[in-house]
Amino acid sequence: MVKYKRGHLYYPEIPIHKVLEETAKRIPDRPVFLYPEDMTFKKFKDQVDIVATALKNLSVKKGDRVALYAPNSIPWEISFFGLEKTGAILVPMNPLFKEIEVEYELNDSGAETIIVSQHEYINVAAVKDKTNIKNIIVIESEEKPEIPEGTIGWSELLSETKSNPPEYEFNVKEDLAALVYTSGTTGLPKGTMLTHFNMVSNIIQVSPTFELSELDIAMTVLPLYHIYGLNVCMNQAILLGAAQVVTPRFKVKEFCELIEKYKVTYSLCVPPIFLEVVRHLEDPNIKGYNWRNLKIFNNGAAPIPLELLERFDKLAKEKCNAKDATIQHGWGLTEASPVVAVNPIYRRKMESQGTLLSDTFHKIIDLETGEELPERGQVGELVIKGPQVMKGYWKRPEATKDAFWIDPKTGEKWLRTGDMAYIDEEEYEHLMDRIKEMIKYKGWSIAPAELEDLLFKNPHVFDAAVIGKPSTEMDIGQIPKAFIILKPESKGKVTEEEIMEWVAEKISAYKKIREVEFVDNIPKSSSGKILRRELVQLEKNRLGIK
């Protein structure tokens, strides 16, 4: 029995694009965007219908995958709802991706259509012939509006398409809305299959925890390709009818100014944003801002030091007039669309990850026996279930099977979070460590296996192991460190810096290896698995961390 569960909510069985349609019907003349341009919900929906029509005209049909590879923008949001109305499945791609990553996700998802910003188009062009891509829609840049040959311009698509969108029947508990790729500790990134019901349920679950409405103004700064930005920032705002201030990337001065100028009432953030804002506001040359309308500043995606939250809270109130702002902290994972728990506004326990959302349940299981640990305070693996939990991993039946724990008493499926945790007497969750060996760098998830796979392609590398080395800087978390055994003929002929530079040229900037150590051996189990925990402990010992 969950003592402080939030109760049961009603979850309409509608596809995600119907959330927009319902809001546009309810408040057609209210603003959906304030920045970078004004737009009403009615105009937004009309443009969504045009994009849905254009995709239909390109033979995109229900169940097809459509990739979206661009920074945050109004066209990004229009594209999302347009492709969803076409019955397609979103494949959101990080705009920092380079060729090898673009090629992998396009081929793994089987996408035949991609909507890409002009700046990122060069990477699509480089791998197009190695994929199944047939249609390329380019969102033009203001600096260089000419579109490449063989592509379709976004502006042309909107101006020359007569609205006649398709209408499909959806089985929302089975039909996929998105394939959101998440890195695993074994193998390459996996596509998390999120249904329409998963995504709609989670925004309905989350909204009451923030106490927001159509009178609020959202700062949409988190990347929309990430499930936190996609569902909690964008889709929640659309459900509420809240106006959005959309920025392509975080720039601390612009961020602070936009909150003041547009009277932003809530912003969903990650630890690096908190730290950058604190450093900015602590600068004696910064006089401060007027954030008197700010109500909620929420942290997610990665744990955050309490000291940093306290510094932010103090500065926001003293230098920015944010007298009514509440700092919140919660957590989730891609496989849960993503939110699982949030600290209640009026009963915060910020050293924890918060209490469960409505209709979400949790247990702690013993790592050795797989049995439930019923007493509160016992440490084991946290497992959860709820309407927001994924269908499984795309084309990965074994990984899907391994992702769930079957309760031996009831036969129910519970998602294995991969987190060592305990639940306290008031039902707050406390995450302690990762069972899975994902590297968490500034809120980004980085798969050691992906970096190791790349390192093995280097002509000097004989063997390699990558770990997350604990960082002493509060906003970083861990840095990717590689332990490398060089080939005999390469010893003394290549430096650590040269290896790091080689990796940096081939992968997104946030995934870069930031430290290399040449070693003579790498600890492995009898079955050949890298014993990363031994390497992590080695680094902790060197740093004096218990």
Protein backbone atom coordinates (compact mmCIF):
# COMPACT_ATOMS: atom_id res chain seq x y z
CA MET A 1 0.00 0.00 0.00
CA VAL A 2 1.42 3.42 -0.96
CA LYS A 3 0.77 5.72 1.99
CA TYR A 4 1.03 9.07 0.21
CA LYS A 5 -0.01 8.18 -3.32
CA ARG A 6 -1.73 11.01 -5.14
CA GLY A 7 -4.80 9.00 -6.08
CA HIS A 8 -6.36 8.07 -9.37
CA LEU A 9 -6.73 10.32 -12.41
CA TYR A 10 -8.69 10.01 -15.64
CA TYR A 11 -6.54 9.34 -18.72
CA PRO A 12 -8.39 9.91 -22.00
CA GLU A 13 -7.54 7.33 -24.64
CA ILE A 14 -6.55 9.82 -27.33
CA PRO A 15 -3.47 10.15 -29.56
CA ILE A 16 -0.99 12.85 -28.56
CA HIS A 17 -1.95 15.24 -31.38
CA LYS A 18 -5.52 15.34 -30.05
CA VAL A 19 -4.15 17.10 -26.97
CA LEU A 20 -3.31 20.05 -29.20
CA GLU A 21 -6.64 19.87 -31.00
CA GLU A 22 -8.60 19.90 -27.75
CA THR A 23 -6.65 22.90 -26.45
CA ALA A 24 -6.98 24.79 -29.77
CA LYS A 25 -10.72 24.16 -29.65
CA ARG A 26 -10.95 25.36 -26.04
CA ILE A 27 -8.78 28.50 -26.31
CA PRO A 28 -8.14 29.16 -30.03
CA ASP A 29 -7.10 32.80 -29.62
CA ARG A 30 -4.75 32.41 -26.69
CA PRO A 31 -1.00 32.44 -27.47
CA VAL A 32 0.82 29.16 -27.86
CA PHE A 33 4.11 31.04 -28.39
CA LEU A 34 5.34 34.43 -27.24
CA TYR A 35 8.91 34.04 -28.48
CA PRO A 36 10.58 33.90 -30.99
CA GLU A 37 7.23 35.01 -32.48
CA ASP A 38 3.63 35.45 -31.43
CA MET A 39 1.27 32.68 -32.51
CA THR A 40 -2.19 31.62 -31.41
CA PHE A 41 -3.29 28.04 -30.82
CA LYS A 42 -5.58 28.32 -33.85
CA LYS A 43 -2.76 29.33 -36.20
CA PHE A 44 -0.51 26.65 -34.69
CA LYS A 45 -3.11 23.94 -35.31
CA ASP A 46 -3.68 25.20 -38.87
CA GLN A 47 0.04 24.89 -39.62
CA VAL A 48 0.12 21.44 -38.02
CA ASP A 49 -2.67 20.37 -40.38
CA ILE A 50 -0.66 21.65 -43.37
CA VAL A 51 2.42 19.67 -42.31
CA ALA A 52 0.28 16.56 -41.78
CA THR A 53 -1.15 17.04 -45.28
CA ALA A 54 2.31 17.53 -46.80
CA LEU A 55 3.61 14.36 -45.17
CA LYS A 56 0.56 12.46 -46.42
CA ASN A 57 1.30 13.78 -49.92
CA LEU A 58 4.84 12.41 -49.56
CA SER A 59 3.28 8.96 -48.91
CA VAL A 60 4.04 8.99 -45.19
CA LYS A 61 1.50 6.68 -43.60
CA LYS A 62 0.50 5.38 -40.19
CA GLY A 63 3.35 3.52 -38.50
CA ASP A 64 6.13 5.07 -40.60
CA ARG A 65 9.03 6.57 -38.69
CA VAL A 66 9.87 10.24 -39.29
CA ALA A 67 13.12 11.65 -37.90
CA LEU A 68 13.28 15.19 -36.52
CA TYR A 69 16.84 16.52 -36.41
CA ALA A 70 16.96 20.17 -35.36
CA PRO A 71 17.34 22.49 -32.37
CA ASN A 72 14.28 23.76 -30.47
CA SER A 73 12.08 25.97 -32.63
CA ILE A 74 8.46 26.62 -33.53
CA PRO A 75 8.85 24.53 -36.74
CA TRP A 76 10.11 21.66 -34.52
CA GLU A 77 6.87 21.71 -32.52
CA ILE A 78 4.69 22.08 -35.62
CA SER A 79 6.54 19.15 -37.21
CA PHE A 80 6.00 16.96 -34.17
CA PHE A 81 2.25 17.38 -34.08
CA GLY A 82 2.02 17.22 -37.87
CA LEU A 83 3.80 13.89 -38.13
CA GLU A 84 1.79 12.52 -35.21
CA LYS A 85 -1.46 13.46 -36.99
CA THR A 86 -0.16 11.61 -40.05
CA GLY A 87 0.06 8.52 -37.87
CA ALA A 88 3.86 8.51 -38.06
CA ILE A 89 6.23 7.71 -35.21
CA LEU A 90 8.65 10.42 -34.09
CA VAL A 91 12.38 9.64 -34.07
CA PRO A 92 13.84 12.70 -32.29
CA MET A 93 17.54 13.21 -32.99
CA ASN A 94 20.07 15.26 -31.05
CA PRO A 95 21.14 18.27 -33.16
CA LEU A 96 24.68 17.70 -31.86
CA PHE A 97 24.83 14.32 -33.62
CA LYS A 98 27.54 13.71 -36.17
CA GLU A 99 27.41 11.46 -39.23
CA ILE A 100 27.96 8.11 -37.51
CA GLU A 101 25.16 8.77 -35.00
CA VAL A 102 22.73 10.05 -37.63
CA GLU A 103 23.36 6.99 -39.79
CA TYR A 104 22.84 4.61 -36.87
CA GLU A 105 19.49 6.01 -35.70
CA LEU A 106 18.11 6.38 -39.22
CA ASN A 107 18.96 2.77 -40.06
CA ASP A 108 17.90 1.30 -36.73
CA SER A 109 14.53 3.08 -36.82
CA GLY A 110 14.00 2.50 -40.54
CA ALA A 111 13.01 6.14 -41.06
CA GLU A 112 12.39 7.14 -44.69
CA THR A 113 11.58 10.80 -44.01
CA ILE A 114 13.59 13.35 -42.09
CA ILE A 115 12.88 16.94 -41.12
CA VAL A 116 16.21 18.66 -40.55
CA SER A 117 17.48 22.16 -39.87
CA GLN A 118 19.69 23.63 -42.57
CA HIS A 119 22.72 23.68 -40.29
CA GLU A 120 22.47 19.93 -39.59
CA TYR A 121 21.67 18.99 -43.21
CA ILE A 122 25.34 18.37 -44.06
CA ASN A 123 25.37 15.27 -41.83
CA VAL A 124 22.22 13.90 -43.46
CA ALA A 125 23.65 14.48 -46.94
CA ALA A 126 26.81 12.60 -45.97
CA VAL A 127 24.96 9.42 -44.94
CA LYS A 128 21.82 9.56 -47.12
CA ASP A 129 23.01 6.84 -49.51
CA LYS A 130 23.71 4.50 -46.57
CA THR A 131 20.13 4.80 -45.28
CA ASN A 132 16.54 4.38 -46.52
CA ILE A 133 15.85 8.13 -46.52
CA LYS A 134 13.60 9.19 -49.41
CA ASN A 135 12.23 12.55 -48.24
CA ILE A 136 14.28 15.39 -46.76
CA ILE A 137 12.48 18.50 -45.51
CA VAL A 138 14.86 21.34 -44.65
CA ILE A 139 13.98 24.03 -42.12
CA GLU A 140 15.74 27.00 -43.67
CA SER A 141 18.10 29.21 -41.69
CA GLU A 142 17.64 32.98 -41.75
CA GLU A 143 21.27 33.47 -42.79
CA LYS A 144 21.14 31.09 -45.76
CA PRO A 145 17.57 30.43 -46.90
CA GLU A 146 18.52 28.61 -50.13
CA ILE A 147 17.72 24.94 -49.78
CA PRO A 148 19.95 22.13 -51.12
CA GLU A 149 18.99 20.41 -54.36
CA GLY A 150 16.81 17.35 -53.93
CA THR A 151 15.22 18.56 -50.70
CA ILE A 152 11.94 20.24 -49.79
CA GLY A 153 12.00 23.66 -48.15
CA TRP A 154 9.95 24.17 -45.00
CA SER A 155 8.63 27.56 -46.15
CA GLU A 156 7.59 26.16 -49.53
CA LEU A 157 5.88 23.24 -47.86
CA LEU A 158 3.77 25.57 -45.70
CA SER A 159 2.92 28.04 -48.47
CA GLU A 160 2.09 25.58 -51.27
CA THR A 161 0.24 22.81 -49.44
CA LYS A 162 -3.54 23.00 -49.20
CA SER A 163 -4.71 21.68 -45.85
CA ASN A 164 -6.34 18.24 -46.07
CA PRO A 165 -4.88 16.19 -43.23
CA PRO A 166 -5.54 12.47 -42.85
CA GLU A 167 -7.73 11.02 -40.13
CA TYR A 168 -6.73 7.69 -38.61
CA GLU A 169 -8.15 5.44 -35.93
CA PHE A 170 -5.63 4.86 -33.14
CA ASN A 171 -5.21 2.07 -30.65
CA VAL A 172 -3.45 4.40 -28.23
CA LYS A 173 -2.23 1.70 -25.84
CA GLU A 174 -0.48 -0.13 -28.69
CA ASP A 175 0.30 2.45 -31.39
CA LEU A 176 3.64 4.17 -30.96
CA ALA A 177 3.97 7.95 -30.75
CA ALA A 178 7.76 8.05 -30.44
CA LEU A 179 10.97 6.05 -30.59
CA VAL A 180 13.19 7.93 -28.17
CA TYR A 181 16.70 6.54 -28.27
CA THR A 182 18.36 5.98 -24.95
CA SER A 183 21.89 4.76 -24.42
CA GLY A 184 22.42 1.41 -22.75
CA THR A 185 25.39 -0.01 -20.91
CA THR A 186 25.60 -2.88 -23.35
CA GLY A 187 25.52 -2.26 -27.06
CA LEU A 188 24.39 0.79 -28.96
CA PRO A 189 21.43 3.11 -28.14
CA LYS A 190 17.99 1.48 -28.10
CA GLY A 191 14.74 2.97 -29.31
CA THR A 192 12.33 3.28 -26.38
CA MET A 193 8.83 2.54 -27.67
CA LEU A 194 6.46 5.09 -26.14
CA THR A 195 2.79 4.76 -27.01
CA HIS A 196 0.32 7.62 -27.33
CA PHE A 197 -1.21 6.49 -24.04
CA ASN A 198 2.19 6.55 -22.30
CA MET A 199 2.85 10.15 -23.30
CA VAL A 200 -0.65 11.49 -22.71
CA SER A 201 -0.83 9.76 -19.32
CA ASN A 202 2.44 11.23 -18.11
CA ILE A 203 1.58 14.85 -18.88
CA ILE A 204 -1.77 14.39 -17.12
CA GLN A 205 0.06 12.88 -14.15
CA VAL A 206 2.66 15.66 -13.99
CA SER A 207 0.45 18.72 -14.45
CA PRO A 208 -1.22 18.70 -10.98
CA THR A 209 2.17 18.57 -9.24
CA PHE A 210 3.11 21.98 -10.66
CA GLU A 211 -0.34 23.61 -10.15
CA LEU A 212 -0.26 25.28 -13.58
CA SER A 213 -2.89 26.42 -16.10
CA GLU A 214 -3.42 28.27 -19.40
CA LEU A 215 -2.56 31.48 -17.53
CA ASP A 216 1.05 30.35 -17.13
CA ILE A 217 4.06 31.03 -19.33
CA ALA A 218 6.61 28.25 -19.93
CA MET A 219 10.30 28.60 -20.67
CA THR A 220 11.02 25.87 -23.23
CA VAL A 221 14.80 25.69 -23.08
CA LEU A 222 15.44 21.98 -22.55
CA PRO A 223 16.15 20.14 -25.82
CA LEU A 224 12.96 18.80 -27.39
CA TYR A 225 14.67 15.68 -28.76
CA HIS A 226 15.02 14.57 -25.11
CA ILE A 227 11.93 13.05 -23.49
CA TYR A 228 12.04 15.58 -20.63
CA GLY A 229 11.89 18.50 -23.06
CA LEU A 230 9.50 16.76 -25.43
CA ASN A 231 6.84 15.62 -23.01
CA VAL A 232 7.23 17.62 -19.80
CA CYS A 233 8.16 20.97 -21.37
CA MET A 234 6.35 21.01 -24.71
CA ASN A 235 3.45 18.59 -24.42
CA GLN A 236 2.52 19.65 -20.90
CA ALA A 237 2.39 23.31 -22.02
CA ILE A 238 0.14 22.32 -24.94
CA LEU A 239 -2.15 20.36 -22.62
CA LEU A 240 -2.40 23.28 -20.20
CA GLY A 241 -2.72 25.92 -22.90
CA ALA A 242 0.29 27.74 -21.44
CA ALA A 243 2.22 30.10 -23.73
CA GLN A 244 5.80 29.13 -24.51
CA VAL A 245 9.06 31.05 -24.78
CA VAL A 246 11.17 28.80 -27.03
CA THR A 247 14.96 29.02 -27.33
CA PRO A 248 17.16 26.82 -29.54
CA ARG A 249 19.80 26.45 -26.85
CA PHE A 250 20.62 27.66 -23.35
CA LYS A 251 22.54 30.94 -23.07
CA VAL A 252 22.55 32.17 -19.51
CA LYS A 253 22.19 35.93 -20.09
CA GLU A 254 19.47 35.47 -22.72
CA PHE A 255 17.69 32.95 -20.48
CA CYS A 256 17.58 35.37 -17.55
CA GLU A 257 16.44 38.26 -19.73
CA LEU A 258 13.66 36.23 -21.39
CA ILE A 259 12.24 35.19 -18.01
CA GLU A 260 11.94 38.88 -17.13
CA LYS A 261 10.73 40.18 -20.51
CA TYR A 262 7.98 37.60 -21.04
CA LYS A 263 7.01 37.22 -17.37
CA VAL A 264 7.77 33.49 -17.37
CA THR A 265 6.03 31.62 -14.55
CA TYR A 266 7.76 28.24 -14.75
CA SER A 267 10.92 26.69 -16.11
CA LEU A 268 11.99 23.04 -16.18
CA CYS A 269 15.75 22.71 -15.97
CA VAL A 270 18.77 20.47 -15.39
CA PRO A 271 21.75 20.93 -12.99
CA PRO A 272 24.06 22.71 -15.48
CA ILE A 273 21.41 25.41 -15.99
CA PHE A 274 21.11 25.93 -12.24
CA LEU A 275 24.89 26.24 -11.93
CA GLU A 276 25.26 28.65 -14.86
CA VAL A 277 22.49 30.87 -13.49
CA VAL A 278 24.06 30.85 -10.02
CA ARG A 279 27.48 31.80 -11.41
CA HIS A 280 25.86 34.53 -13.51
CA LEU A 281 23.90 35.99 -10.61
CA GLU A 282 26.91 35.82 -8.26
CA ASP A 283 28.83 38.08 -10.65
CA PRO A 284 28.98 41.47 -8.88
CA ASN A 285 28.59 43.19 -12.25
CA ILE A 286 25.13 41.66 -12.70
CA LYS A 287 22.54 43.86 -11.03
CA GLY A 288 19.79 41.23 -11.23
CA TYR A 289 16.43 40.79 -12.92
CA ASN A 290 12.74 41.08 -12.20
CA TRP A 291 11.36 37.53 -11.96
CA ARG A 292 8.36 38.42 -9.81
CA ASN A 293 6.06 36.18 -11.89
CA LEU A 294 8.22 33.07 -11.50
CA LYS A 295 6.43 30.29 -9.58
CA ILE A 296 8.22 27.02 -10.37
CA PHE A 297 11.85 26.22 -11.12
CA ASN A 298 12.14 22.46 -11.45
CA ASN A 299 15.19 20.20 -11.68
CA GLY A 300 15.17 16.86 -13.46
CA ALA A 301 17.32 14.54 -15.64
CA ALA A 302 20.11 14.24 -13.07
CA PRO A 303 20.68 14.51 -9.30
CA ILE A 304 21.56 17.98 -8.02
CA PRO A 305 23.49 19.02 -4.89
CA LEU A 306 21.33 20.61 -2.20
CA GLU A 307 23.93 23.36 -1.79
CA LEU A 308 23.39 24.42 -5.40
CA LEU A 309 19.60 24.51 -5.00
CA GLU A 310 19.93 26.62 -1.86
CA ARG A 311 22.30 29.07 -3.55
CA PHE A 312 19.94 29.39 -6.49
CA ASP A 313 16.92 29.93 -4.26
CA LYS A 314 18.69 32.65 -2.26
CA LEU A 315 19.94 34.51 -5.37
CA ALA A 316 16.59 34.27 -7.19
CA LYS A 317 14.82 35.85 -4.23
CA GLU A 318 17.45 38.46 -3.40
CA LYS A 319 18.62 39.56 -6.87
CA CYS A 320 15.64 38.68 -9.06
CA ASN A 321 12.60 39.45 -6.90
CA ALA A 322 11.40 35.83 -7.26
CA LYS A 323 9.67 35.95 -3.88
CA ASP A 324 7.04 33.35 -4.77
CA ALA A 325 9.27 30.90 -6.64
CA THR A 326 9.38 27.30 -5.45
CA ILE A 327 12.39 25.14 -6.29
CA GLN A 328 11.33 21.59 -7.09
CA HIS A 329 13.20 18.39 -7.74
CA GLY A 330 11.98 15.12 -9.24
CA TRP A 331 13.18 12.29 -11.39
CA GLY A 332 12.26 9.94 -14.17
CA LEU A 333 13.65 7.94 -17.06
CA THR A 334 12.99 7.74 -20.77
CA GLU A 335 11.26 4.40 -20.31
CA ALA A 336 8.64 6.12 -18.11
CA SER A 337 7.81 8.96 -20.53
CA PRO A 338 9.71 10.21 -18.32
CA VAL A 339 8.44 11.32 -14.88
CA VAL A 340 8.10 8.90 -11.97
CA ALA A 341 8.26 11.07 -8.84
CA VAL A 342 8.36 14.75 -7.86
CA ASN A 343 8.79 16.58 -4.58
CA PRO A 344 5.36 17.98 -3.65
CA ILE A 345 5.31 21.79 -3.57
CA TYR A 346 4.11 21.97 0.03
CA ARG A 347 5.93 18.93 1.41
CA ARG A 348 9.36 19.01 -0.15
CA LYS A 349 12.14 16.71 0.98
CA MET A 350 14.88 17.87 -1.37
CA GLU A 351 17.45 15.25 -0.38
CA SER A 352 15.06 12.76 -1.99
CA GLN A 353 13.71 12.38 -5.53
CA GLY A 354 10.18 12.96 -4.27
CA THR A 355 6.94 11.01 -4.05
CA LEU A 356 5.14 9.04 -6.74
CA LEU A 357 2.90 10.53 -9.38
CA SER A 358 -0.73 9.41 -9.48
CA ASP A 359 -1.34 5.79 -10.50
CA THR A 360 2.39 5.02 -10.24
CA PHE A 361 3.63 2.33 -7.88
CA HIS A 362 7.06 1.26 -6.66
CA LYS A 363 8.82 -1.60 -4.93
CA ILE A 364 12.37 -2.38 -3.88
CA ILE A 365 13.67 -5.82 -4.89
CA ASP A 366 16.69 -7.75 -3.68
CA LEU A 367 19.46 -7.85 -6.28
CA GLU A 368 20.44 -11.41 -5.43
CA THR A 369 17.09 -13.15 -4.96
CA GLY A 370 14.83 -10.90 -7.07
CA GLU A 371 12.32 -10.89 -4.22
CA GLU A 372 10.53 -7.84 -2.87
CA LEU A 373 12.04 -6.10 0.15
CA PRO A 374 8.85 -4.98 1.92
CA GLU A 375 10.36 -2.98 4.80
CA ARG A 376 10.88 0.72 4.20
CA GLY A 377 14.53 1.79 4.32
CA GLN A 378 15.89 -1.40 2.80
CA VAL A 379 18.23 -0.85 -0.17
CA GLY A 380 17.77 -2.71 -3.44
CA GLU A 381 16.72 -2.10 -7.02
CA LEU A 382 13.80 0.25 -7.54
CA VAL A 383 11.06 -1.11 -9.82
CA ILE A 384 7.98 0.83 -10.93
CA LYS A 385 4.73 0.42 -12.81
CA GLY A 386 2.17 2.87 -14.13
CA PRO A 387 0.40 4.03 -17.30
CA GLN A 388 3.52 5.94 -18.42
CA VAL A 389 5.79 2.86 -18.62
CA MET A 390 7.09 2.03 -22.10
CA LYS A 391 5.95 -0.78 -24.35
CA GLY A 392 9.52 -2.00 -24.78
CA TYR A 393 12.62 -1.49 -26.92
CA TRP A 394 12.40 -1.27 -30.71
CA LYS A 395 13.45 -4.56 -32.32
CA ARG A 396 15.12 -5.67 -29.06
CA PRO A 397 13.00 -8.50 -27.59
CA GLU A 398 15.72 -9.72 -25.24
CA ALA A 399 16.47 -6.23 -23.96
CA THR A 400 12.73 -5.69 -23.47
CA LYS A 401 12.45 -8.90 -21.47
CA ASP A 402 15.42 -7.90 -19.31
CA ALA A 403 13.93 -4.45 -18.68
CA PHE A 404 11.05 -5.86 -16.62
CA TRP A 405 10.75 -7.72 -13.33
CA ILE A 406 7.85 -10.13 -12.99
CA ASP A 407 6.37 -10.18 -9.52
CA PRO A 408 6.38 -13.89 -8.58
CA LYS A 409 3.28 -13.43 -6.40
CA THR A 410 1.04 -11.59 -8.87
CA GLY A 411 2.64 -12.06 -12.28
CA GLU A 412 2.60 -8.27 -12.81
CA LYS A 413 5.30 -6.61 -14.93
CA TRP A 414 7.38 -3.90 -13.27
CA LEU A 415 9.97 -1.74 -15.01
CA ARG A 416 13.48 -2.22 -13.65
CA THR A 417 14.95 1.26 -13.23
CA GLY A 418 18.54 0.11 -12.83
CA ASP A 419 18.84 2.29 -9.71
CA MET A 420 19.91 1.26 -6.24
CA ALA A 421 17.46 3.01 -3.94
CA TYR A 422 15.38 2.92 -0.82
CA ILE A 423 11.89 4.20 0.01
CA ASP A 424 11.53 5.99 3.33
CA GLU A 425 8.63 5.82 5.79
CA GLU A 426 6.86 8.73 4.07
CA GLU A 427 7.13 7.06 0.65
CA TYR A 428 9.82 9.38 -0.72
CA GLU A 429 12.27 7.75 -3.10
CA HIS A 430 16.01 8.05 -2.47
CA LEU A 431 18.22 7.04 -5.39
CA MET A 432 21.69 5.99 -4.28
CA ASP A 433 23.67 4.63 -7.23
CA ARG A 434 23.33 3.23 -10.71
CA ILE A 435 23.21 -0.50 -11.14
CA LYS A 436 23.53 0.10 -14.82
CA GLU A 437 26.83 1.72 -15.67
CA MET A 438 25.58 4.68 -17.63
CA ILE A 439 27.77 7.77 -17.49
CA LYS A 440 25.86 10.88 -16.39
CA TYR A 441 27.69 13.96 -17.67
CA LYS A 442 25.93 17.28 -17.04
CA GLY A 443 22.58 15.52 -17.29
CA TRP A 444 23.50 13.75 -20.54
CA SER A 445 23.45 9.96 -20.66
CA ILE A 446 26.50 8.41 -22.29
CA ALA A 447 26.91 4.69 -22.97
CA PRO A 448 30.38 3.31 -22.15
CA ALA A 449 29.85 0.58 -24.74
CA GLU A 450 29.30 3.13 -27.49
CA LEU A 451 32.61 4.83 -26.73
CA GLU A 452 34.41 1.51 -26.43
CA ASP A 453 33.02 0.43 -29.79
CA LEU A 454 34.43 3.62 -31.32
CA LEU A 455 37.81 3.26 -29.59
CA PHE A 456 38.27 -0.20 -31.03
CA LYS A 457 38.26 1.43 -34.48
CA ASN A 458 41.36 3.43 -33.59
CA PRO A 459 44.47 1.82 -35.14
CA HIS A 460 46.47 2.20 -31.93
CA VAL A 461 43.97 0.64 -29.50
CA PHE A 462 44.27 -3.01 -28.49
CA ASP A 463 41.65 -2.99 -25.72
CA ALA A 464 39.64 -0.35 -23.89
CA ALA A 465 37.23 0.21 -21.02
CA VAL A 466 35.28 3.40 -20.43
CA ILE A 467 33.82 4.47 -17.11
CA GLY A 468 32.18 7.50 -15.56
CA LYS A 469 34.86 9.07 -13.38
CA PRO A 470 33.35 11.01 -10.47
CA SER A 471 33.84 14.75 -10.84
CA THR A 472 34.51 17.16 -8.00
CA GLU A 473 32.56 19.88 -9.86
CA MET A 474 28.94 19.89 -8.67
CA ASP A 475 27.25 20.33 -12.05
CA ILE A 476 29.20 17.71 -13.98
CA GLY A 477 28.46 14.44 -12.22
CA GLN A 478 30.84 12.14 -14.09
CA ILE A 479 33.30 12.47 -16.95
CA PRO A 480 33.96 9.74 -19.53
CA LYS A 481 37.39 8.25 -18.83
CA ALA A 482 39.02 5.58 -21.00
CA PHE A 483 41.49 2.98 -19.82
CA ILE A 484 43.37 1.86 -22.92
CA ILE A 485 45.78 -0.94 -23.70
CA LEU A 486 47.84 0.12 -26.70
CA LYS A 487 49.01 -2.24 -29.40
CA PRO A 488 52.69 -3.10 -28.82
CA GLU A 489 53.80 -1.24 -31.95
CA SER A 490 51.95 1.91 -30.87
CA LYS A 491 53.47 2.33 -27.42
CA GLY A 492 55.33 5.61 -27.21
CA LYS A 493 53.99 6.71 -30.60
CA VAL A 494 50.61 8.11 -29.60
CA THR A 495 49.59 10.37 -26.72
CA GLU A 496 46.51 10.46 -24.55
CA GLU A 497 45.58 13.84 -26.07
CA GLU A 498 45.74 12.42 -29.60
CA ILE A 499 43.33 9.63 -28.67
CA MET A 500 40.89 12.14 -27.15
CA GLU A 501 41.12 14.38 -30.22
CA TRP A 502 40.47 11.41 -32.51
CA VAL A 503 37.31 10.50 -30.57
CA ALA A 504 36.13 14.13 -30.45
CA GLU A 505 36.17 14.33 -34.24
CA LYS A 506 33.80 11.39 -34.54
CA ILE A 507 31.16 11.91 -31.90
CA SER A 508 28.94 14.54 -30.27
CA ALA A 509 30.77 17.02 -28.08
CA TYR A 510 29.04 15.93 -24.86
CA LYS A 511 30.16 12.32 -25.41
CA LYS A 512 33.85 13.21 -25.73
CA ILE A 513 36.32 11.21 -23.68
CA ARG A 514 37.77 13.72 -21.24
CA GLU A 515 40.54 11.63 -19.75
CA VAL A 516 42.67 8.72 -21.02
CA GLU A 517 44.97 6.46 -19.05
CA PHE A 518 47.24 3.93 -20.76
CA VAL A 519 47.29 0.66 -18.79
CA ASP A 520 48.73 -2.84 -19.14
CA ASN A 521 45.53 -4.70 -18.26
CA ILE A 522 41.79 -4.18 -17.84
CA PRO A 523 39.89 -6.08 -15.14
CA LYS A 524 37.39 -8.53 -16.56
CA SER A 525 35.17 -11.36 -15.32
CA SER A 526 35.66 -14.95 -16.31
CA SER A 527 33.09 -14.45 -19.05
CA GLY A 528 35.00 -11.50 -20.45
CA LYS A 529 32.78 -8.69 -19.13
CA ILE A 530 34.60 -5.53 -18.11
CA LEU A 531 34.54 -5.04 -14.34
CA ARG A 532 33.78 -1.34 -14.47
CA ARG A 533 33.02 -1.13 -10.78
CA GLU A 534 36.67 -1.92 -10.01
CA LEU A 535 37.83 0.91 -12.25
CA VAL A 536 35.28 3.30 -10.74
CA GLN A 537 36.44 2.34 -7.25
CA LEU A 538 40.05 2.92 -8.31
CA GLU A 539 39.14 6.47 -9.32
CA LYS A 540 37.18 7.05 -6.12
CA ASN A 541 40.18 5.90 -4.07
CA ARG A 542 42.45 8.27 -5.96
CA LEU A 543 40.04 11.13 -5.29
CA GLY A 544 39.54 10.18 -1.65
CA ILE A 545 35.84 9.44 -2.21
CA LYS A 546 34.30 6.69 -0.08
